[in-house]
Amino acid sequence: MTLALLTAALLMGFLGSPHCLGMCGGLVAAFGLSMQEVSPSKRKALIATYHLGRLMSYSLLGLIAGLAGTAILAPFMQGNSLPRILLGLVLVFIGVTMLGAPFLNHLERVGMRFWQYLTPLRKKVFPLTTFPRALMAGLLWGFLPCGLVYGALLMAVVGHSVTTGAMLMFAFGLGTIPMLVATHSTVNWIRNHIGRLRLRQINGAVMVLSGLAVIALPIMMSAMHGGGHGDHMNHGGAPMEHAMMSDSGEVMSHDSHDMTNMGTMTDAEYADHMQEMNAHTGSEQHDEMPMAPEHSH
């Protein structure tokens, strides 16, 4: 399940990156303008550094989301199907968002306020001529408001662990890198192909179907388990009843055998037999020994 979620997060980042290019593209352009005075080799290293900072920021957010999900949801997820149902609902929600539903627009506006609050820090990283500045720029970039980022964070919340949450956000960030490091011509090629082939919509539909399957699976398993449990109880009762009948048969057979042989005993044999029975049961019936049966001569 974790591998499937990581793949979903990676595709979500890659196929959703054309949507994010409008906002992230301006930031990338500003970073590029601030690095005009550095050599081409150092420029590439600085670009790699601020993308590393962005991945670190996403991973940190995923870790926090996973920690919050574990702390809040864990008490309600013991011994039931709630984890799978929540995960399925999140996948459906993200899929519908990728299909074009504006569910996260309001959350983006809230995030924009926080982004503006970070303006004094953002100004201090320019120009991006040193690696510490580039790393700080990438760390701040992770807080840029984006609906897809918030959708990925929802996956991290229901990922059932802190590690999974961080890994999901790291995979999501990796998926966005090709669009953000490509040249202008390559960006247009990727954007056109994703739009022409409707890959974003296809991925959204796949996520919706996957979410519905994840929700339906525990319900189907529960129904199958309930039927199987009843059959098991029915089959389990037969051997017990059979064993009881067998035991009863042995007792009845043994008692009948004793009663049949009693009429052929001599007096001495009969007395010995009764003494053995009294000793076996622990009773004191030997004091009231019944009279031996009369035998005809």
Protein backbone atom coordinates (compact mmCIF):
# COMPACT_ATOMS: atom_id res chain seq x y z
CA MET A 1 0.00 0.00 0.00
CA THR A 2 2.85 2.42 0.80
CA LEU A 3 4.45 1.86 -2.62
CA ALA A 4 1.11 2.55 -4.33
CA LEU A 5 0.71 5.78 -2.34
CA LEU A 6 4.24 6.91 -3.21
CA THR A 7 3.55 6.27 -6.89
CA ALA A 8 0.28 8.21 -6.64
CA ALA A 9 2.07 11.14 -4.96
CA LEU A 10 4.83 11.12 -7.62
CA LEU A 11 2.32 11.15 -10.50
CA MET A 12 0.24 13.75 -8.73
CA GLY A 13 3.26 16.06 -8.57
CA PHE A 14 4.34 15.46 -12.17
CA LEU A 15 0.93 15.65 -13.85
CA GLY A 16 -0.20 18.52 -11.66
CA SER A 17 2.92 20.64 -12.12
CA PRO A 18 1.62 22.49 -15.23
CA HIS A 19 -1.15 23.86 -13.01
CA CYS A 20 1.41 25.05 -10.45
CA LEU A 21 3.71 26.57 -13.05
CA GLY A 22 1.74 29.82 -13.06
CA MET A 23 2.76 30.63 -9.50
CA CYS A 24 6.00 28.66 -9.16
CA GLY A 25 7.16 29.83 -12.59
CA GLY A 26 7.35 33.42 -11.42
CA LEU A 27 9.40 32.40 -8.42
CA VAL A 28 11.77 30.35 -10.57
CA ALA A 29 12.19 33.33 -12.90
CA ALA A 30 13.05 35.57 -9.95
CA PHE A 31 15.62 33.05 -8.74
CA GLY A 32 17.15 32.91 -12.22
CA LEU A 33 17.46 36.69 -12.48
CA SER A 34 19.24 36.81 -9.12
CA MET A 35 21.87 34.31 -10.34
CA GLN A 36 22.95 36.11 -13.50
CA GLU A 37 26.33 37.05 -12.05
CA VAL A 38 27.41 33.48 -11.20
CA SER A 39 29.10 30.97 -13.48
CA PRO A 40 26.99 28.37 -15.35
CA SER A 41 28.36 25.49 -13.26
CA LYS A 42 27.64 27.25 -9.98
CA ARG A 43 24.23 28.26 -11.29
CA LYS A 44 23.32 24.59 -11.81
CA ALA A 45 24.56 23.78 -8.30
CA LEU A 46 22.50 26.62 -6.83
CA ILE A 47 19.38 25.40 -8.67
CA ALA A 48 19.93 21.90 -7.30
CA THR A 49 20.41 23.39 -3.83
CA TYR A 50 17.15 25.34 -3.73
CA HIS A 51 15.23 22.34 -5.09
CA LEU A 52 16.82 20.26 -2.33
CA GLY A 53 15.62 22.84 0.17
CA ARG A 54 12.10 22.63 -1.30
CA LEU A 55 12.09 18.84 -0.97
CA MET A 56 13.29 19.17 2.61
CA SER A 57 10.49 21.63 3.31
CA TYR A 58 7.88 19.31 1.78
CA SER A 59 9.25 16.38 3.77
CA LEU A 60 9.08 18.42 6.97
CA LEU A 61 5.47 19.35 6.24
CA GLY A 62 4.71 15.69 5.51
CA LEU A 63 6.33 14.65 8.76
CA ILE A 64 4.20 17.15 10.70
CA ALA A 65 1.06 16.04 8.85
CA GLY A 66 1.86 12.39 9.56
CA LEU A 67 2.49 13.15 13.22
CA ALA A 68 -0.81 15.04 13.49
CA GLY A 69 -2.68 12.25 11.75
CA THR A 70 -1.15 9.60 13.99
CA ALA A 71 -1.88 11.54 17.16
CA ILE A 72 -5.43 12.54 16.27
CA LEU A 73 -6.69 9.58 14.26
CA ALA A 74 -4.85 6.66 15.88
CA PRO A 75 -7.30 6.25 18.83
CA PHE A 76 -10.15 5.81 16.31
CA MET A 77 -8.33 3.37 14.03
CA GLN A 78 -7.84 0.35 16.25
CA GLY A 79 -9.47 -2.85 15.05
CA ASN A 80 -11.69 -1.32 12.36
CA SER A 81 -11.73 -0.34 8.69
CA LEU A 82 -11.53 3.42 9.30
CA PRO A 83 -7.90 3.80 8.07
CA ARG A 84 -8.73 2.38 4.65
CA ILE A 85 -11.98 4.29 4.40
CA LEU A 86 -10.27 7.60 5.21
CA LEU A 87 -7.50 6.89 2.73
CA GLY A 88 -10.06 6.06 0.07
CA LEU A 89 -11.97 9.28 0.73
CA VAL A 90 -8.76 11.31 0.45
CA LEU A 91 -7.86 9.66 -2.86
CA VAL A 92 -11.34 10.38 -4.21
CA PHE A 93 -11.09 14.00 -3.02
CA ILE A 94 -7.68 14.51 -4.67
CA GLY A 95 -8.85 12.82 -7.85
CA VAL A 96 -11.90 15.05 -8.12
CA THR A 97 -9.64 18.07 -7.50
CA MET A 98 -7.35 17.00 -10.34
CA LEU A 99 -10.42 16.69 -12.55
CA GLY A 100 -11.03 20.41 -11.98
CA ALA A 101 -13.16 20.77 -8.85
CA PRO A 102 -12.16 24.00 -7.00
CA PHE A 103 -12.32 22.47 -3.53
CA LEU A 104 -8.93 23.78 -2.38
CA ASN A 105 -9.17 27.36 -3.71
CA HIS A 106 -10.23 28.75 -0.34
CA LEU A 107 -7.35 26.95 1.37
CA GLU A 108 -4.96 28.47 -1.17
CA ARG A 109 -6.20 31.94 -0.22
CA VAL A 110 -5.53 31.19 3.43
CA GLY A 111 -2.04 29.97 2.52
CA MET A 112 -1.38 33.15 0.57
CA ARG A 113 -1.75 35.18 3.74
CA PHE A 114 0.95 33.11 5.41
CA TRP A 115 3.14 33.44 2.30
CA GLN A 116 2.86 37.22 2.51
CA TYR A 117 3.78 37.02 6.18
CA LEU A 118 7.09 35.43 5.09
CA THR A 119 7.94 38.35 2.77
CA PRO A 120 10.69 39.82 5.03
CA LEU A 121 12.47 36.45 5.11
CA ARG A 122 12.08 35.95 1.36
CA LYS A 123 13.73 39.27 0.65
CA LYS A 124 16.80 38.31 2.66
CA VAL A 125 17.67 35.34 0.40
CA PHE A 126 18.20 37.53 -2.67
CA PRO A 127 20.41 37.50 -4.61
CA LEU A 128 20.87 33.71 -4.73
CA THR A 129 24.64 33.79 -4.99
CA THR A 130 25.53 31.49 -2.09
CA PHE A 131 24.46 27.97 -1.19
CA PRO A 132 23.03 28.86 2.24
CA ARG A 133 20.79 31.45 0.58
CA ALA A 134 19.72 29.00 -2.10
CA LEU A 135 18.92 26.38 0.55
CA MET A 136 16.90 28.91 2.58
CA ALA A 137 15.06 29.99 -0.58
CA GLY A 138 14.07 26.38 -1.21
CA LEU A 139 12.92 25.88 2.37
CA LEU A 140 10.69 28.96 2.11
CA TRP A 141 9.45 27.87 -1.31
CA GLY A 142 7.88 24.80 0.30
CA PHE A 143 5.33 27.08 2.00
CA LEU A 144 4.12 28.62 -1.27
CA PRO A 145 0.31 28.10 -1.30
CA CYS A 146 -0.75 25.38 -3.73
CA GLY A 147 -3.88 23.23 -3.83
CA LEU A 148 -1.97 20.16 -4.98
CA VAL A 149 0.45 20.51 -2.08
CA TYR A 150 -2.46 20.61 0.33
CA GLY A 151 -3.97 17.55 -1.34
CA ALA A 152 -0.70 15.68 -0.94
CA LEU A 153 -0.62 16.72 2.72
CA LEU A 154 -4.03 15.10 3.18
CA MET A 155 -2.48 11.85 1.96
CA ALA A 156 0.29 12.33 4.50
CA VAL A 157 -2.27 12.80 7.29
CA VAL A 158 -3.91 9.43 6.61
CA GLY A 159 -0.62 7.69 5.78
CA HIS A 160 -0.70 5.96 9.21
CA SER A 161 2.87 6.95 10.17
CA VAL A 162 5.25 9.89 10.41
CA THR A 163 7.76 8.26 8.05
CA THR A 164 5.14 7.58 5.40
CA GLY A 165 3.96 11.18 5.57
CA ALA A 166 7.47 12.52 4.96
CA MET A 167 8.09 10.02 2.14
CA LEU A 168 4.81 10.92 0.42
CA MET A 169 5.64 14.62 0.36
CA PHE A 170 9.19 13.93 -0.83
CA ALA A 171 7.81 11.83 -3.71
CA PHE A 172 5.33 14.57 -4.55
CA GLY A 173 8.15 17.13 -4.68
CA LEU A 174 10.23 14.87 -6.94
CA GLY A 175 7.33 14.73 -9.37
CA THR A 176 7.27 18.51 -9.73
CA ILE A 177 11.00 18.91 -10.47
CA PRO A 178 11.02 18.08 -14.23
CA MET A 179 8.62 20.92 -15.04
CA LEU A 180 10.45 23.42 -12.84
CA VAL A 181 13.99 22.74 -14.10
CA ALA A 182 13.13 22.36 -17.79
CA THR A 183 14.01 24.98 -20.34
CA HIS A 184 11.33 27.16 -21.90
CA SER A 185 10.90 24.93 -24.96
CA THR A 186 10.85 21.77 -22.87
CA VAL A 187 8.28 23.26 -20.50
CA ASN A 188 6.00 24.00 -23.44
CA TRP A 189 6.46 20.46 -24.78
CA ILE A 190 5.63 18.85 -21.41
CA ARG A 191 2.68 21.14 -20.83
CA ASN A 192 1.25 20.56 -24.30
CA HIS A 193 1.55 16.78 -24.07
CA ILE A 194 0.00 16.64 -20.60
CA GLY A 195 -2.84 18.86 -21.78
CA ARG A 196 -3.36 17.22 -25.18
CA LEU A 197 -3.36 13.68 -23.81
CA ARG A 198 -5.43 14.78 -20.78
CA LEU A 199 -2.98 12.98 -18.50
CA ARG A 200 -3.98 15.07 -15.51
CA GLN A 201 -7.63 14.15 -15.95
CA ILE A 202 -6.77 10.50 -16.51
CA ASN A 203 -4.72 10.45 -13.33
CA GLY A 204 -7.57 12.12 -11.47
CA ALA A 205 -10.02 9.47 -12.69
CA VAL A 206 -7.61 6.69 -11.70
CA MET A 207 -7.28 8.17 -8.22
CA VAL A 208 -11.07 8.40 -7.85
CA LEU A 209 -11.47 4.74 -8.88
CA SER A 210 -8.61 3.70 -6.61
CA GLY A 211 -10.18 5.52 -3.69
CA LEU A 212 -13.54 3.86 -4.28
CA ALA A 213 -11.83 0.47 -4.46
CA VAL A 214 -9.98 1.13 -1.20
CA ILE A 215 -13.28 2.05 0.49
CA ALA A 216 -15.14 -0.98 -0.88
CA LEU A 217 -12.42 -3.51 -0.07
CA PRO A 218 -12.86 -3.61 3.75
CA ILE A 219 -16.64 -3.80 3.35
CA MET A 220 -16.35 -6.78 0.99
CA MET A 221 -13.79 -8.49 3.23
CA SER A 222 -16.01 -7.98 6.27
CA ALA A 223 -18.99 -9.53 4.49
CA MET A 224 -16.91 -12.51 3.32
CA HIS A 225 -15.40 -12.97 6.77
CA GLY A 226 -18.82 -12.93 8.41
CA GLY A 227 -20.14 -15.69 6.13
CA GLY A 228 -17.04 -17.78 6.53
CA HIS A 229 -17.18 -17.45 10.31
CA GLY A 230 -20.74 -18.80 10.40
CA ASP A 231 -19.81 -21.78 8.24
CA HIS A 232 -16.86 -22.46 10.48
CA MET A 233 -19.08 -22.54 13.54
CA ASN A 234 -21.54 -24.90 11.86
CA HIS A 235 -18.84 -27.28 10.76
CA GLY A 236 -17.10 -27.02 14.09
CA GLY A 237 -20.21 -28.18 15.96
CA ALA A 238 -20.54 -31.48 14.08
CA PRO A 239 -17.33 -33.13 15.30
CA MET A 240 -18.15 -32.14 18.89
CA GLU A 241 -21.60 -33.66 18.66
CA HIS A 242 -20.18 -36.74 17.00
CA ALA A 243 -17.58 -37.12 19.72
CA MET A 244 -20.23 -36.84 22.42
CA MET A 245 -22.36 -39.44 20.71
CA SER A 246 -19.36 -41.70 20.35
CA ASP A 247 -18.51 -41.34 24.02
CA SER A 248 -22.10 -42.06 24.98
CA GLY A 249 -22.09 -45.06 22.72
CA GLU A 250 -19.02 -46.43 24.41
CA VAL A 251 -20.53 -45.96 27.88
CA MET A 252 -23.83 -47.52 26.93
CA SER A 253 -22.07 -50.38 25.26
CA HIS A 254 -19.84 -50.92 28.28
CA ASP A 255 -22.79 -50.81 30.70
CA SER A 256 -24.86 -53.13 28.55
CA HIS A 257 -21.96 -55.52 28.39
CA ASP A 258 -21.69 -55.54 32.19
CA MET A 259 -25.43 -56.12 32.64
CA THR A 260 -25.39 -58.95 30.11
CA ASN A 261 -22.51 -60.73 31.82
CA MET A 262 -23.93 -60.25 35.33
CA GLY A 263 -26.44 -63.05 34.93
CA THR A 264 -23.73 -65.63 34.18
CA MET A 265 -21.51 -64.84 37.24
CA THR A 266 -21.00 -67.13 40.19
CA ASP A 267 -21.63 -65.87 43.70
CA ALA A 268 -17.96 -65.25 44.35
CA GLU A 269 -17.48 -63.52 40.99
CA TYR A 270 -20.53 -61.36 41.60
CA ALA A 271 -19.25 -60.27 45.04
CA ASP A 272 -15.82 -59.47 43.64
CA HIS A 273 -17.35 -57.47 40.81
CA MET A 274 -19.47 -55.38 43.17
CA GLN A 275 -16.47 -54.67 45.41
CA GLU A 276 -14.51 -53.40 42.40
CA MET A 277 -17.37 -51.12 41.40
CA ASN A 278 -17.65 -49.70 44.93
CA ALA A 279 -13.92 -49.10 45.13
CA HIS A 280 -13.96 -47.31 41.76
CA THR A 281 -16.77 -44.91 42.68
CA GLY A 282 -15.53 -44.30 46.23
CA SER A 283 -18.92 -45.23 47.73
CA GLU A 284 -19.52 -47.31 50.81
CA GLN A 285 -22.17 -49.50 49.29
CA HIS A 286 -20.26 -52.71 50.18
CA ASP A 287 -21.88 -52.52 53.63
CA GLU A 288 -25.26 -53.06 52.00
CA MET A 289 -24.32 -55.76 49.55
CA PRO A 290 -27.36 -56.94 47.54
CA MET A 291 -28.16 -60.57 47.68
CA ALA A 292 -26.63 -62.70 45.05
CA PRO A 293 -29.05 -63.93 42.42
CA GLU A 294 -30.32 -67.45 42.75
CA HIS A 295 -29.06 -69.92 40.22
CA SER A 296 -31.00 -72.95 39.23
CA HIS A 297 -29.17 -76.21 39.40
